[in-house]
Protein backbone atom coordinates (compact mmCIF):
# COMPACT_ATOMS: atom_id res chain seq x y z
CA MET A 1 -15.83 -25.18 -17.79
CA ALA A 2 -14.43 -27.49 -15.52
CA GLY A 3 -16.55 -28.65 -12.86
CA ASP A 4 -18.81 -27.33 -10.77
CA VAL A 5 -18.28 -24.08 -8.75
CA ASP A 6 -18.75 -23.48 -5.07
CA ARG A 7 -21.76 -21.48 -3.91
CA SER A 8 -22.18 -21.88 -0.51
CA PHE A 9 -20.79 -18.62 0.10
CA LEU A 10 -24.32 -17.62 -0.80
CA ASP A 11 -25.69 -19.14 2.41
CA TRP A 12 -23.68 -16.27 4.55
CA PRO A 13 -25.46 -14.29 6.17
CA PHE A 14 -24.34 -11.23 4.02
CA PHE A 15 -26.95 -11.93 0.96
CA GLU A 16 -30.72 -11.20 0.90
CA PRO A 17 -32.97 -13.38 -1.28
CA GLN A 18 -32.69 -10.88 -4.31
CA HIS A 19 -29.24 -11.27 -4.13
CA ARG A 20 -28.99 -15.20 -4.44
CA ASP A 21 -32.14 -14.93 -7.66
CA LEU A 22 -29.76 -12.41 -9.04
CA ALA A 23 -26.44 -14.68 -9.42
CA ALA A 24 -28.36 -17.83 -10.71
CA ARG A 25 -30.12 -15.59 -13.08
CA LEU A 26 -26.18 -14.92 -13.60
CA GLU A 27 -25.26 -17.67 -13.68
CA ALA A 28 -27.85 -19.37 -16.36
CA TRP A 29 -27.34 -16.29 -18.79
CA CYS A 30 -23.09 -16.76 -18.20
CA ALA A 31 -23.19 -20.43 -18.96
CA ALA A 32 -25.33 -19.25 -22.58
CA ASN A 33 -23.48 -16.41 -23.85
CA LEU A 34 -19.96 -16.34 -22.48
CA PRO A 35 -17.53 -16.17 -22.99
CA VAL A 36 -17.10 -14.15 -26.68
CA PRO A 37 -13.85 -14.23 -29.00
CA HIS A 38 -11.73 -12.57 -28.57
CA ASP A 39 -9.86 -11.44 -31.70
CA ASP A 40 -10.99 -7.92 -32.42
CA VAL A 41 -10.98 -6.72 -28.29
CA ASP A 42 -12.92 -3.13 -29.59
CA ALA A 43 -15.34 -5.36 -31.30
CA ALA A 44 -16.02 -7.69 -28.26
CA CYS A 45 -16.01 -5.21 -25.72
CA ARG A 46 -18.87 -3.40 -28.09
CA THR A 47 -20.51 -6.41 -28.24
CA LEU A 48 -20.54 -6.86 -24.47
CA VAL A 49 -21.77 -3.63 -23.55
CA ALA A 50 -24.79 -4.81 -25.98
CA MET A 51 -25.08 -8.14 -24.36
CA LEU A 52 -25.23 -6.54 -21.21
CA GLY A 53 -27.49 -3.96 -21.64
CA ALA A 54 -29.71 -6.35 -23.34
CA GLY A 55 -29.31 -9.25 -20.57
CA GLY A 56 -30.39 -5.88 -18.22
CA TRP A 57 -27.60 -6.30 -16.11
CA LEU A 58 -26.32 -2.93 -16.50
CA ARG A 59 -28.88 -1.13 -15.18
CA HIS A 60 -27.05 -2.16 -11.58
CA THR A 61 -24.16 0.29 -12.57
CA GLY A 62 -25.68 2.73 -12.34
CA ALA A 63 -28.78 4.28 -9.51
CA SER A 64 -32.11 5.56 -10.11
CA GLU A 65 -33.02 8.93 -8.72
CA GLY A 66 -33.14 8.67 -4.89
CA GLU A 67 -31.64 4.95 -5.01
CA ARG A 68 -28.24 3.86 -3.17
CA LEU A 69 -25.67 1.70 -5.56
CA ASP A 70 -26.02 -1.79 -4.70
CA VAL A 71 -22.34 -2.54 -3.80
CA ARG A 72 -23.42 -6.71 -2.85
CA THR A 73 -25.04 -6.86 -6.27
CA LEU A 74 -21.93 -4.97 -8.28
CA CYS A 75 -19.33 -7.97 -6.32
CA LEU A 76 -21.60 -10.27 -7.28
CA ILE A 77 -21.77 -9.77 -11.41
CA ARG A 78 -18.40 -8.88 -10.79
CA GLU A 79 -17.29 -12.07 -9.69
CA THR A 80 -19.32 -14.30 -12.05
CA LEU A 81 -18.51 -12.63 -15.12
CA ALA A 82 -14.52 -12.78 -14.22
CA ARG A 83 -15.11 -16.36 -13.63
CA HIS A 84 -16.20 -16.59 -16.44
CA ASP A 85 -14.45 -14.09 -18.98
CA ALA A 86 -12.67 -11.75 -17.25
CA LEU A 87 -13.52 -9.84 -21.03
CA ALA A 88 -17.16 -9.13 -20.14
CA ASP A 89 -16.16 -8.29 -16.08
CA PHE A 90 -14.24 -5.53 -17.43
CA ALA A 91 -16.96 -3.86 -19.81
CA PHE A 92 -19.55 -4.31 -17.32
CA ALA A 93 -17.13 -2.83 -14.55
CA MET A 94 -16.75 0.38 -16.93
CA GLN A 95 -19.76 0.80 -17.38
CA GLY A 96 -20.45 1.29 -13.91
CA LEU A 97 -16.66 2.99 -12.61
CA GLY A 98 -17.07 5.16 -15.69
CA MET A 99 -20.48 7.16 -14.85
CA GLY A 100 -20.39 6.65 -11.52
CA ALA A 101 -19.27 10.02 -10.57
CA VAL A 102 -22.78 10.79 -12.62
CA SER A 103 -24.06 8.26 -10.67
CA LEU A 104 -23.49 9.58 -6.97
CA PHE A 105 -23.66 13.45 -8.25
CA GLY A 106 -24.44 13.91 -11.46
CA THR A 107 -27.27 16.83 -12.47
CA ASP A 108 -31.03 15.17 -14.31
CA ALA A 109 -28.85 16.32 -17.67
CA GLN A 110 -25.92 14.88 -16.73
CA ARG A 111 -27.58 11.92 -16.01
CA ALA A 112 -29.83 11.14 -18.97
CA TRP A 113 -26.41 9.88 -20.14
CA LEU A 114 -26.83 6.99 -17.28
CA ASP A 115 -29.93 5.73 -19.43
CA ARG A 116 -27.88 5.19 -22.24
CA THR A 117 -24.81 3.38 -20.84
CA ARG A 118 -27.35 1.13 -17.95
CA SER A 119 -29.19 -0.55 -21.75
CA GLY A 120 -25.85 -0.78 -23.23
CA ALA A 121 -26.61 1.87 -26.12
CA ALA A 122 -23.33 4.10 -25.34
CA ILE A 123 -19.86 3.19 -23.75
CA ALA A 124 -18.42 4.99 -21.02
CA ALA A 125 -14.68 5.55 -19.04
CA PHE A 126 -13.24 6.87 -16.07
CA ALA A 127 -10.00 9.39 -17.17
CA LEU A 128 -8.22 10.27 -14.35
CA THR A 129 -4.59 8.67 -14.90
CA GLU A 130 -1.88 10.94 -16.46
CA PRO A 131 1.66 10.14 -17.71
CA ALA A 132 2.81 11.92 -14.32
CA SER A 133 -0.48 10.82 -12.18
CA GLY A 134 -1.24 7.79 -11.18
CA SER A 135 -1.22 6.91 -7.37
CA ASP A 136 -0.82 10.79 -6.43
CA VAL A 137 -4.22 11.73 -8.17
CA ALA A 138 -3.31 15.37 -6.56
CA ALA A 139 -0.26 15.48 -9.35
CA THR A 140 -3.04 16.26 -11.81
CA SER A 141 -1.48 18.49 -14.35
CA THR A 142 -4.84 18.70 -17.12
CA MET A 143 -5.70 21.96 -16.30
CA ALA A 144 -9.55 23.10 -17.00
CA GLU A 145 -9.54 27.05 -17.58
CA LYS A 146 -12.69 28.75 -16.86
CA VAL A 147 -13.88 30.88 -20.29
CA ALA A 148 -17.47 32.83 -21.17
CA GLY A 149 -19.88 29.78 -21.05
CA GLY A 150 -18.31 26.98 -20.12
CA TRP A 151 -14.21 25.77 -19.65
CA ARG A 152 -11.09 25.57 -21.96
CA LEU A 153 -9.68 21.77 -20.80
CA ASN A 154 -5.87 20.80 -21.99
CA GLY A 155 -3.21 17.62 -20.88
CA THR A 156 -3.19 14.71 -21.35
CA LYS A 157 -4.70 11.21 -20.05
CA THR A 158 -3.51 7.98 -20.59
CA TYR A 159 -4.04 4.44 -19.72
CA ILE A 160 -8.04 5.29 -20.41
CA SER A 161 -9.65 2.05 -19.96
CA ASN A 162 -12.74 2.53 -22.91
CA GLY A 163 -10.22 4.65 -24.05
CA GLY A 164 -10.81 4.35 -28.37
CA ILE A 165 -14.05 3.51 -27.91
CA ALA A 166 -16.02 5.34 -25.41
CA ASP A 167 -18.80 7.33 -26.09
CA ILE A 168 -18.83 10.04 -22.63
CA HIS A 169 -15.59 10.11 -20.43
CA VAL A 170 -15.83 11.84 -17.25
CA ILE A 171 -12.70 13.79 -17.22
CA PHE A 172 -10.76 15.23 -13.96
CA ALA A 173 -8.56 17.99 -14.11
CA ARG A 174 -7.24 21.18 -11.93
CA THR A 175 -9.22 23.74 -12.07
CA GLY A 176 -7.51 25.87 -8.91
CA GLU A 177 -9.23 26.57 -6.11
CA ALA A 178 -6.66 25.65 -3.94
CA PRO A 179 -3.44 23.36 -3.74
CA GLY A 180 -3.04 20.03 -5.18
CA ALA A 181 -6.52 17.63 -4.21
CA ARG A 182 -8.27 20.29 -3.11
CA GLY A 183 -8.21 21.98 -6.91
CA LEU A 184 -9.46 19.57 -9.30
CA SER A 185 -13.07 18.72 -10.56
CA ALA A 186 -15.08 16.80 -13.02
CA PHE A 187 -16.28 16.94 -15.94
CA LEU A 188 -18.86 15.29 -18.32
CA MET A 189 -16.85 15.32 -21.96
CA PRO A 190 -18.44 12.73 -24.93
CA ALA A 191 -16.43 11.38 -27.39
CA ASP A 192 -17.22 14.05 -29.96
CA VAL A 193 -15.79 16.97 -28.55
CA PRO A 194 -13.14 19.15 -30.77
CA GLY A 195 -9.77 19.05 -29.72
CA LEU A 196 -10.24 15.07 -27.95
CA THR A 197 -7.77 13.11 -29.34
CA VAL A 198 -6.75 9.60 -28.87
CA THR A 199 -2.73 9.89 -29.59
CA GLU A 200 -2.51 6.33 -28.54
CA ARG A 201 -3.69 3.07 -28.07
CA ILE A 202 -2.24 0.74 -25.64
CA GLU A 203 -1.28 -3.18 -26.27
CA VAL A 204 -0.92 -4.83 -22.44
CA MET A 205 -0.26 -8.97 -21.39
CA ALA A 206 -4.13 -9.12 -21.43
CA PRO A 207 -5.75 -7.19 -24.05
CA HIS A 208 -8.37 -4.54 -23.34
CA PRO A 209 -9.43 -1.53 -25.02
CA LEU A 210 -6.65 1.28 -22.64
CA ALA A 211 -5.81 4.34 -24.26
CA THR A 212 -3.40 8.18 -24.25
CA LEU A 213 -6.04 10.79 -24.90
CA GLN A 214 -4.74 14.14 -25.72
CA LEU A 215 -6.78 17.04 -24.62
CA THR A 216 -5.86 20.70 -26.37
CA ASP A 217 -8.49 23.70 -26.13
CA ALA A 218 -11.23 21.26 -25.89
CA GLN A 219 -14.74 23.46 -25.23
CA LEU A 220 -17.23 22.21 -22.94
CA PRO A 221 -20.06 24.40 -20.94
CA ASP A 222 -20.98 25.78 -17.42
CA ALA A 223 -23.24 22.52 -17.42
CA ALA A 224 -20.62 19.62 -17.85
CA LEU A 225 -18.93 20.58 -14.20
CA ILE A 226 -19.81 17.17 -12.03
CA GLY A 227 -21.01 18.52 -8.76
CA ARG A 228 -18.92 21.77 -7.77
CA ALA A 229 -15.29 23.35 -9.31
CA GLY A 230 -12.75 21.75 -6.57
CA ASP A 231 -14.73 18.81 -5.32
CA GLY A 232 -13.06 16.73 -7.86
CA PHE A 233 -10.86 14.92 -5.71
CA LYS A 234 -13.91 14.14 -3.33
CA LEU A 235 -15.59 12.95 -6.52
CA ALA A 236 -12.98 10.60 -7.13
CA MET A 237 -12.67 8.90 -4.20
CA SER A 238 -16.42 8.53 -3.24
CA VAL A 239 -16.49 6.37 -6.60
CA LEU A 240 -13.47 4.39 -5.59
CA ASP A 241 -14.75 3.73 -2.70
CA VAL A 242 -17.82 2.25 -3.86
CA PHE A 243 -15.77 0.20 -7.03
CA ARG A 244 -13.11 -0.23 -5.29
CA SER A 245 -13.95 -3.30 -3.18
CA THR A 246 -15.86 -4.70 -6.86
CA VAL A 247 -12.08 -4.86 -8.48
CA GLY A 248 -11.89 -7.50 -5.28
CA ALA A 249 -14.98 -9.48 -6.49
CA ALA A 250 -13.42 -9.86 -10.22
CA ALA A 251 -10.45 -11.26 -8.41
CA LEU A 252 -11.89 -13.17 -6.85
CA GLY A 253 -13.85 -14.91 -9.60
CA LEU A 254 -10.69 -15.51 -11.37
CA ALA A 255 -9.24 -16.99 -8.35
CA ARG A 256 -12.37 -19.66 -8.15
CA ARG A 257 -11.99 -20.22 -11.69
CA ALA A 258 -8.36 -21.13 -11.25
CA LEU A 259 -9.19 -23.57 -8.06
CA GLN A 260 -12.05 -25.00 -9.78
CA GLU A 261 -9.35 -25.53 -12.61
CA ALA A 262 -6.79 -26.54 -10.74
CA LEU A 263 -9.21 -29.51 -9.17
CA ALA A 264 -9.98 -30.68 -12.29
CA ARG A 265 -6.36 -31.24 -13.63
CA SER A 266 -5.38 -32.80 -9.96
CA ALA A 267 -8.68 -35.34 -10.69
CA ALA A 268 -7.71 -35.95 -14.02
CA ARG A 269 -4.04 -36.13 -14.14
CA ARG A 270 -2.53 -38.89 -13.08
CA ILE A 271 1.26 -39.83 -12.13
CA GLN A 272 2.69 -43.35 -11.10
CA GLY A 273 -0.40 -44.54 -11.83
CA GLU A 274 -2.34 -42.29 -8.80
CA PRO A 275 -4.89 -39.44 -10.27
CA LEU A 276 -2.55 -36.31 -9.44
CA ALA A 277 -4.87 -34.87 -6.04
CA ALA A 278 -3.73 -38.04 -4.19
CA LEU A 279 -0.54 -36.65 -3.72
CA GLN A 280 -0.59 -34.96 -0.25
CA MET A 281 1.84 -31.84 -0.97
CA VAL A 282 -0.78 -31.16 -3.73
CA GLN A 283 -3.55 -31.49 -1.49
CA GLY A 284 -2.05 -29.48 0.74
CA HIS A 285 -1.34 -26.73 -2.54
CA LEU A 286 -5.60 -27.22 -2.95
CA ALA A 287 -5.89 -27.03 0.47
CA ASP A 288 -4.11 -23.74 0.89
CA MET A 289 -6.41 -21.90 -2.39
CA ALA A 290 -9.58 -22.91 -0.94
CA LEU A 291 -8.95 -20.76 2.22
CA LYS A 292 -7.49 -17.73 -0.30
CA VAL A 293 -10.10 -17.98 -1.92
CA ASP A 294 -12.60 -17.45 0.79
CA ALA A 295 -11.01 -15.70 3.14
CA ALA A 296 -10.74 -12.92 -0.38
CA ALA A 297 -14.88 -13.95 -0.42
CA LEU A 298 -15.34 -12.47 2.93
CA LEU A 299 -13.86 -9.34 2.15
CA VAL A 300 -14.85 -8.61 -0.47
CA TYR A 301 -18.45 -8.98 0.88
CA ARG A 302 -17.96 -7.91 4.24
CA ALA A 303 -16.88 -4.63 2.40
CA ALA A 304 -19.63 -4.91 0.23
CA TRP A 305 -22.51 -4.85 2.87
CA THR A 306 -21.07 -2.30 5.23
CA LYS A 307 -21.27 0.36 2.09
CA ASP A 308 -24.48 -0.80 1.60
CA GLN A 309 -25.59 -0.59 4.64
CA GLY A 310 -25.49 3.11 4.70
CA THR A 311 -21.79 3.47 6.24
CA ALA A 312 -20.30 6.78 4.45
CA ARG A 313 -17.09 5.36 3.76
CA ILE A 314 -15.46 2.02 3.17
CA SER A 315 -12.01 2.83 2.99
CA ARG A 316 -10.48 0.74 5.41
CA GLU A 317 -12.93 -1.78 4.49
CA ALA A 318 -13.04 -1.38 0.57
CA ALA A 319 -8.77 -1.36 0.75
CA MET A 320 -8.49 -4.11 2.83
CA ALA A 321 -10.77 -6.54 1.00
CA LYS A 322 -9.14 -5.06 -3.05
CA LEU A 323 -5.55 -5.82 -1.49
CA TYR A 324 -5.76 -9.22 -0.01
CA ALA A 325 -8.45 -10.60 -2.49
CA THR A 326 -6.23 -9.84 -5.50
CA GLU A 327 -3.01 -10.27 -4.19
CA ALA A 328 -4.80 -13.78 -3.04
CA ALA A 329 -5.77 -13.87 -6.34
CA GLN A 330 -2.34 -13.57 -8.43
CA GLU A 331 -1.08 -16.76 -5.76
CA VAL A 332 -4.35 -19.00 -6.45
CA ILE A 333 -3.69 -18.45 -9.93
CA ASP A 334 -0.17 -19.44 -9.93
CA MET A 335 -0.56 -22.38 -8.34
CA ALA A 336 -3.13 -23.09 -10.84
CA VAL A 337 -0.64 -22.76 -13.45
CA GLN A 338 1.87 -24.98 -11.53
CA LEU A 339 -0.23 -27.94 -11.07
CA HIS A 340 -1.38 -27.99 -14.96
CA GLY A 341 3.43 -28.37 -15.95
CA GLY A 342 3.61 -27.48 -19.12
CA ASP A 343 0.24 -26.65 -19.56
CA GLY A 344 0.04 -23.79 -17.82
CA VAL A 345 2.17 -21.43 -19.95
CA ARG A 346 0.33 -23.00 -22.97
CA HIS A 347 -1.13 -20.29 -24.86
CA GLY A 348 -5.01 -20.91 -25.24
CA VAL A 349 -5.24 -22.94 -21.81
CA LYS A 350 -7.53 -20.58 -19.31
CA VAL A 351 -5.04 -21.01 -16.33
CA GLU A 352 -2.52 -19.22 -19.53
CA GLU A 353 -5.00 -16.54 -20.15
CA LEU A 354 -6.19 -15.97 -16.19
CA TYR A 355 -2.76 -15.38 -15.02
CA ARG A 356 -2.02 -12.67 -17.54
CA GLU A 357 -5.77 -11.03 -16.27
CA ILE A 358 -4.73 -11.23 -12.97
CA ARG A 359 -1.96 -8.96 -12.73
CA ALA A 360 -3.53 -5.46 -13.66
CA LEU A 361 -5.64 -5.44 -10.60
CA ARG A 362 -2.67 -5.47 -8.61
CA ILE A 363 -1.91 -2.05 -9.73
CA TYR A 364 -5.41 -0.10 -10.97
CA GLU A 365 -8.21 1.51 -9.26
CA GLY A 366 -5.47 1.52 -6.37
CA ALA A 367 -2.50 -0.27 -6.40
CA SER A 368 -1.10 -2.61 -3.64
CA ASP A 369 1.04 -0.64 -1.54
CA VAL A 370 -1.17 2.69 -1.73
CA GLN A 371 -3.65 0.38 0.32
CA ARG A 372 -1.61 -0.27 2.47
CA VAL A 373 -0.84 3.21 3.16
CA VAL A 374 -4.78 3.50 3.16
CA ILE A 375 -5.33 0.60 6.03
CA ALA A 376 -1.86 1.20 7.97
CA ARG A 377 -3.19 5.12 8.30
CA SER A 378 -6.61 3.70 9.63
CA VAL A 379 -5.36 1.58 12.34
CA LEU A 380 -2.74 4.59 13.19
CA GLY A 381 -5.53 6.28 13.69
CA GLY A 382 -5.33 8.74 11.01
């Protein structure tokens, strides 16, 4: 990796000694183990989940009974992994998001799956999005019909991360207790349930395992219901309230790496006999990049710290963190590409990879304009 990364933010009062110790240990682990080859993305994700489990990092993706998820730890891990290997961040994040509803609201029997996902023995997926309901969760049309001894599910889920390789899914479906968002429920569905099929593997600009899932008379027992019937929207928002800040942290990791690469390029590249960094305009760009990185870090770790203090909901703080960090990272990475000149768009150069990786973060787990709505409603008192 080019140059040394700035770790002075770890001295901020948001962090405690255990966070600084974790960051140092993870940095050493990443340096020794990442990146992994991405030629076969499915195989790479399976390898990464196994490695992260063996390293003990996945134990942070789910809380033990009576404990809370430590959001600062989740953010530090995602930032560090993303800076080294975006696919490693993806593999880590999905173990947490995929089983977030179980970690927060699951029964003892459902939580047994956490032993497998936290060890790396099973891969998790969070199946919320549908072809006609992305940001508008209340428009979910997948149906769960109550039948003797359980539920029968029919519908389509799409853009499901880890789709096609997951062992366990949390599926959101309409159970009809009330109109709109109040009539949804969450279910725990193993991959081998008859009626659950992968109908499409989705290719995207930064390769990740994504798929469309079809549910056709898929039968689940009563014990598969997570929480109470009709609480699905509340469960989903509670999970996103925890993990939305971590998306900002992943963007922050990508932005830090871009700044790192830009600093190394500006020092090494010479123009008219002087380093590129000697040009005042380049210095101005580097200053703007550093400013955006620090501002993003402050928002991300403020949100994480606030949640860790026991605040029930941090919708405003998490929305600000995700919105600013992802948008700022896009700008930082774009400038890093610009400072690399032609090499910036050359396949195999790190900033080109970062440019492809950052774009989706402004869409998933609440698109940027959705975050603006959340923030606006908060400041308007809604």
